[in-house]
Amino acid sequence: MKDLKPEHFSWEMDGRVAIINLLRPERKNPLTFESYAELRDTFRQMVYADDVDVVVFKSNGGNFCSGGDVHDIIGPLVNMDMKQLLAFTRMTGDLVKAMLYCGKPIISAIDGVCVGAGAIIAMCSDLRLATPEAKTAFLFTRVGLAGCDMGACAMLPRIIGQGRAAELLYTGRSMSAEEGANWGFFNALHSADELETAAIKMAQRIASGPTFAHGITKTQLNQEWNMSLDQAIEAEAQAQAICMQTQDFERAYNAFVKKEKPVFEGD
């Protein structure tokens, strides 16, 4: 996917790490109908990409994402009928599903504003780094909508707990970076000057590991939400047996025997 040229966000490759930047920093990088669809299609395509191992969502101009654009999305939604509205809400949910099932770990690097659908993108990423200035809000109730948008009621309680998620989803208030770090939403906080470097460094570290096995890990993290403990243990037994047939497993063993650092190749 190194030659991908999206229209509605920027895309670059740093080795086997794909870096996505939402555009229009002067408006805090809002989403539009077109960018939703293009992101969804890109993550769907990523399932089959053998040149991408990790994805980084960067901030742009001191902010991450201001959610759905007021003029380009919210205004037109007011004039749509139910069939059109359902098509839109299903499309936004399809972006989340595409991110969850793309098979690649996703890291969000969050600075400044991260609200609405922007907070959802952060939420459904595998790892989240932020600056102390990050303000994350699931502000759907503030525009007269329910907090149950794009999987928020299913995913957010699993990350930060039911009570904390309920507060954020009912009130729409901002979660501070300190709260996010203490509650487990953010993996770490970095200064604005260090955020991008830290995110790419983490991405490169993951990309240097057994990437086939990382895809299995992401699949199990998602699928085991709906499994009993017995089902999860059996699913992991099967997943691990598959990984034990990879060349990376043998490479790790041979490197250990030789007291060397393993070099994984993703097969």
Protein backbone atom coordinates (compact mmCIF):
# COMPACT_ATOMS: atom_id res chain seq x y z
CA MET A 1 0.00 0.00 0.00
CA LYS A 2 3.03 2.30 -0.23
CA ASP A 3 1.62 3.89 -3.38
CA LEU A 4 -1.76 4.69 -1.81
CA LYS A 5 -2.81 8.27 -2.58
CA PRO A 6 -5.94 9.04 -0.57
CA GLU A 7 -7.90 12.22 -1.25
CA HIS A 8 -9.17 12.97 2.23
CA PHE A 9 -6.25 12.19 4.54
CA SER A 10 -2.50 11.97 4.17
CA TRP A 11 -0.68 8.64 3.99
CA GLU A 12 2.99 7.86 4.27
CA MET A 13 5.07 4.78 4.97
CA ASP A 14 7.97 4.65 7.43
CA GLY A 15 9.36 1.22 6.65
CA ARG A 16 6.43 -1.09 7.33
CA VAL A 17 4.59 1.46 9.47
CA ALA A 18 1.71 3.31 7.81
CA ILE A 19 1.13 6.86 9.09
CA ILE A 20 -2.26 8.54 8.69
CA ASN A 21 -2.90 12.25 9.16
CA LEU A 22 -6.40 13.69 9.09
CA LEU A 23 -6.53 16.95 7.17
CA ARG A 24 -7.76 20.52 7.70
CA PRO A 25 -5.88 21.42 10.89
CA GLU A 26 -7.41 24.90 10.80
CA ARG A 27 -10.70 23.18 11.74
CA LYS A 28 -9.12 20.64 14.07
CA ASN A 29 -9.18 17.85 11.45
CA PRO A 30 -12.90 17.04 11.15
CA LEU A 31 -14.33 14.01 9.40
CA THR A 32 -16.61 14.24 6.35
CA PHE A 33 -18.79 11.73 4.53
CA GLU A 34 -15.93 11.22 2.10
CA SER A 35 -13.18 10.77 4.68
CA TYR A 36 -15.27 8.29 6.67
CA ALA A 37 -15.76 6.18 3.55
CA GLU A 38 -12.17 6.45 2.38
CA LEU A 39 -10.81 5.47 5.81
CA ARG A 40 -13.22 2.52 5.94
CA ASP A 41 -12.12 1.32 2.51
CA THR A 42 -8.43 1.78 3.37
CA PHE A 43 -8.66 -0.35 6.51
CA ARG A 44 -10.63 -2.99 4.62
CA GLN A 45 -7.86 -3.09 2.02
CA MET A 46 -5.25 -3.37 4.75
CA VAL A 47 -6.39 -6.91 5.56
CA TYR A 48 -4.63 -8.03 2.39
CA ALA A 49 -1.62 -5.69 2.56
CA ASP A 50 1.66 -7.51 3.05
CA ASP A 51 3.71 -4.29 3.24
CA VAL A 52 1.95 -2.79 6.29
CA ASP A 53 2.52 -4.18 9.78
CA VAL A 54 1.41 -1.33 12.05
CA VAL A 55 -0.67 1.84 11.62
CA VAL A 56 -0.18 5.19 13.38
CA PHE A 57 -2.94 7.82 13.49
CA LYS A 58 -1.14 11.14 14.04
CA SER A 59 -2.38 14.45 15.31
CA ASN A 60 -2.14 17.42 12.98
CA GLY A 61 -1.61 21.04 13.92
CA GLY A 62 -1.89 20.41 17.65
CA ASN A 63 -5.17 18.47 17.49
CA PHE A 64 -6.27 14.92 16.75
CA CYS A 65 -9.82 15.12 15.38
CA SER A 66 -12.89 17.27 16.07
CA GLY A 67 -15.33 14.56 14.94
CA GLY A 68 -17.97 14.93 12.27
CA ASP A 69 -17.80 18.29 10.55
CA VAL A 70 -20.66 20.53 11.66
CA HIS A 71 -21.31 21.92 8.19
CA ASP A 72 -20.36 18.95 6.02
CA ILE A 73 -22.03 16.23 8.10
CA ILE A 74 -24.28 17.41 10.92
CA GLY A 75 -26.10 20.01 8.81
CA PRO A 76 -27.00 17.56 6.01
CA LEU A 77 -28.05 14.87 8.52
CA VAL A 78 -30.85 17.10 9.77
CA ASN A 79 -32.48 16.94 6.33
CA MET A 80 -32.11 13.17 5.72
CA ASP A 81 -34.85 10.58 6.02
CA MET A 82 -34.54 7.48 8.20
CA LYS A 83 -33.20 5.27 5.40
CA GLN A 84 -30.44 7.76 4.61
CA LEU A 85 -29.60 8.25 8.28
CA LEU A 86 -29.29 4.51 8.88
CA ALA A 87 -27.03 4.18 5.85
CA PHE A 88 -24.78 6.87 7.36
CA THR A 89 -24.66 5.42 10.88
CA ARG A 90 -23.92 1.98 9.46
CA MET A 91 -21.08 3.45 7.40
CA THR A 92 -19.52 5.05 10.47
CA GLY A 93 -19.82 1.75 12.31
CA ASP A 94 -18.20 0.03 9.36
CA LEU A 95 -15.10 2.20 9.87
CA VAL A 96 -14.80 0.86 13.43
CA LYS A 97 -15.26 -2.71 12.24
CA ALA A 98 -12.69 -2.21 9.50
CA MET A 99 -10.17 -0.94 12.07
CA LEU A 100 -10.89 -3.83 14.42
CA TYR A 101 -10.59 -6.47 11.70
CA CYS A 102 -7.75 -5.03 9.60
CA GLY A 103 -5.28 -7.45 11.23
CA LYS A 104 -2.76 -4.70 12.03
CA PRO A 105 -2.10 -3.06 15.41
CA ILE A 106 -3.19 0.60 15.40
CA ILE A 107 -1.63 3.34 17.53
CA SER A 108 -3.29 6.72 17.98
CA ALA A 109 -1.07 9.69 18.90
CA ILE A 110 -3.44 12.20 20.46
CA ASP A 111 -2.80 15.88 21.03
CA GLY A 112 -5.36 18.58 21.77
CA VAL A 113 -8.95 18.02 20.66
CA CYS A 114 -10.09 14.40 20.33
CA VAL A 115 -13.87 14.40 20.34
CA GLY A 116 -16.91 12.70 18.85
CA ALA A 117 -15.91 10.34 16.08
CA GLY A 118 -12.29 11.33 16.72
CA ALA A 119 -12.61 9.88 20.22
CA ILE A 120 -14.08 6.75 18.66
CA ILE A 121 -11.06 6.36 16.35
CA ALA A 122 -8.82 6.64 19.40
CA MET A 123 -11.01 4.21 21.37
CA CYS A 124 -10.92 1.48 18.74
CA SER A 125 -7.16 1.79 18.27
CA ASP A 126 -5.09 -0.87 20.00
CA LEU A 127 -2.79 1.59 21.78
CA ARG A 128 -3.17 5.26 22.62
CA LEU A 129 -0.47 7.80 23.42
CA ALA A 130 -1.32 11.39 24.31
CA THR A 131 0.04 14.74 25.37
CA PRO A 132 -0.93 16.36 28.69
CA GLU A 133 -3.02 18.80 26.61
CA ALA A 134 -5.24 16.07 25.10
CA LYS A 135 -8.95 16.50 25.73
CA THR A 136 -11.09 13.50 24.82
CA ALA A 137 -14.88 13.74 24.74
CA PHE A 138 -17.66 11.44 23.57
CA LEU A 139 -19.90 14.45 23.17
CA PHE A 140 -22.83 12.90 21.32
CA THR A 141 -25.37 13.89 23.99
CA ARG A 142 -24.33 17.51 23.58
CA VAL A 143 -25.79 17.46 20.07
CA GLY A 144 -28.96 15.67 21.15
CA LEU A 145 -27.82 12.13 20.34
CA ALA A 146 -27.31 9.00 22.43
CA GLY A 147 -23.90 8.08 23.78
CA CYS A 148 -24.16 4.70 22.04
CA ASP A 149 -22.36 5.69 18.85
CA MET A 150 -20.01 3.54 16.77
CA GLY A 151 -19.61 0.91 19.50
CA ALA A 152 -18.89 3.31 22.39
CA CYS A 153 -21.23 1.57 24.85
CA ALA A 154 -19.60 -1.77 24.11
CA MET A 155 -15.94 -0.75 23.97
CA LEU A 156 -15.41 2.19 26.31
CA PRO A 157 -16.56 0.35 29.49
CA ARG A 158 -14.10 -2.43 28.71
CA ILE A 159 -11.27 0.09 28.59
CA ILE A 160 -12.04 2.41 31.52
CA GLY A 161 -14.84 0.67 33.44
CA GLN A 162 -18.63 0.90 33.36
CA GLY A 163 -19.09 3.80 35.78
CA ARG A 164 -16.47 6.03 34.21
CA ALA A 165 -17.72 5.27 30.71
CA ALA A 166 -21.31 5.99 31.75
CA GLU A 167 -20.30 9.39 33.11
CA LEU A 168 -18.50 10.37 29.92
CA LEU A 169 -21.27 9.06 27.66
CA TYR A 170 -24.12 10.68 29.62
CA THR A 171 -22.48 14.07 30.17
CA GLY A 172 -20.30 14.44 27.09
CA ARG A 173 -17.65 16.09 29.26
CA SER A 174 -13.97 16.02 28.36
CA MET A 175 -11.72 13.39 29.89
CA SER A 176 -8.42 15.02 30.75
CA ALA A 177 -5.14 13.44 29.73
CA GLU A 178 -4.37 12.72 33.39
CA GLU A 179 -7.71 10.97 33.86
CA GLY A 180 -7.18 9.04 30.64
CA ALA A 181 -3.79 7.84 31.80
CA ASN A 182 -5.02 6.93 35.29
CA TRP A 183 -8.06 5.10 33.89
CA GLY A 184 -6.11 3.09 31.33
CA PHE A 185 -7.42 4.85 28.23
CA PHE A 186 -3.94 6.18 27.44
CA ASN A 187 -0.92 3.90 27.55
CA ALA A 188 1.44 6.82 28.19
CA LEU A 189 1.69 10.60 28.09
CA HIS A 190 4.38 12.46 26.16
CA SER A 191 5.13 16.10 25.47
CA ALA A 192 3.87 17.46 22.16
CA ASP A 193 7.42 17.52 20.85
CA GLU A 194 7.93 13.84 21.68
CA LEU A 195 4.50 12.40 20.86
CA GLU A 196 4.99 11.55 17.19
CA THR A 197 8.45 10.11 17.77
CA ALA A 198 7.18 7.99 20.65
CA ALA A 199 4.27 6.66 18.59
CA ILE A 200 6.45 5.76 15.60
CA LYS A 201 9.08 4.21 17.87
CA MET A 202 6.41 2.03 19.47
CA ALA A 203 5.04 1.14 16.03
CA GLN A 204 8.48 0.17 14.76
CA ARG A 205 9.08 -1.95 17.85
CA ILE A 206 5.85 -3.84 17.20
CA ALA A 207 6.61 -4.10 13.47
CA SER A 208 9.97 -5.70 14.29
CA GLY A 209 8.21 -8.49 16.18
CA PRO A 210 6.37 -11.58 14.91
CA THR A 211 3.76 -9.74 12.85
CA PHE A 212 1.73 -12.83 11.90
CA ALA A 213 1.40 -13.56 15.62
CA HIS A 214 0.47 -9.92 16.28
CA GLY A 215 -2.44 -10.33 13.87
CA ILE A 216 -3.55 -13.40 15.82
CA THR A 217 -3.31 -11.43 19.07
CA LYS A 218 -5.50 -8.64 17.65
CA THR A 219 -8.06 -11.16 16.45
CA GLN A 220 -8.23 -12.86 19.85
CA LEU A 221 -8.46 -9.57 21.73
CA ASN A 222 -11.53 -8.71 19.66
CA GLN A 223 -13.22 -12.11 19.45
CA GLU A 224 -12.83 -13.11 23.08
CA TRP A 225 -15.20 -10.36 24.23
CA ASN A 226 -18.05 -12.67 23.29
CA MET A 227 -16.58 -15.95 24.58
CA SER A 228 -16.89 -17.82 27.83
CA LEU A 229 -13.62 -18.50 29.64
CA ASP A 230 -13.63 -22.10 28.40
CA GLN A 231 -14.19 -20.96 24.81
CA ALA A 232 -11.42 -18.37 25.12
CA ILE A 233 -8.92 -20.88 26.46
CA GLU A 234 -9.70 -23.29 23.63
CA ALA A 235 -9.53 -20.50 21.02
CA GLU A 236 -6.14 -19.45 22.35
CA ALA A 237 -4.92 -23.05 22.31
CA GLN A 238 -5.79 -23.29 18.62
CA ALA A 239 -4.32 -19.85 17.87
CA GLN A 240 -1.07 -20.65 19.62
CA ALA A 241 -0.77 -24.01 17.86
CA ILE A 242 -1.07 -22.16 14.54
CA CYS A 243 1.68 -19.72 15.60
CA MET A 244 3.90 -22.63 16.61
CA GLN A 245 3.93 -23.70 12.96
CA THR A 246 5.38 -20.39 11.79
CA GLN A 247 8.97 -19.82 10.80
CA ASP A 248 9.14 -16.95 13.30
CA PHE A 249 8.62 -19.41 16.17
CA GLU A 250 11.52 -21.51 14.89
CA ARG A 251 13.64 -18.39 14.34
CA ALA A 252 13.07 -17.34 17.95
CA TYR A 253 14.11 -20.76 19.22
CA ASN A 254 17.26 -20.86 17.09
CA ALA A 255 18.20 -17.33 18.17
CA PHE A 256 17.70 -18.26 21.82
CA VAL A 257 19.95 -21.27 21.46
CA LYS A 258 22.64 -19.10 19.85
CA LYS A 259 22.09 -16.33 22.43
CA GLU A 260 21.18 -13.92 19.67
CA LYS A 261 18.29 -11.52 19.20
CA PRO A 262 15.67 -13.06 16.90
CA VAL A 263 14.97 -11.38 13.57
CA PHE A 264 11.33 -11.96 12.70
CA GLU A 265 10.02 -11.97 9.14
CA GLY A 266 6.29 -12.35 9.69
CA ASP A 267 5.90 -15.88 8.35
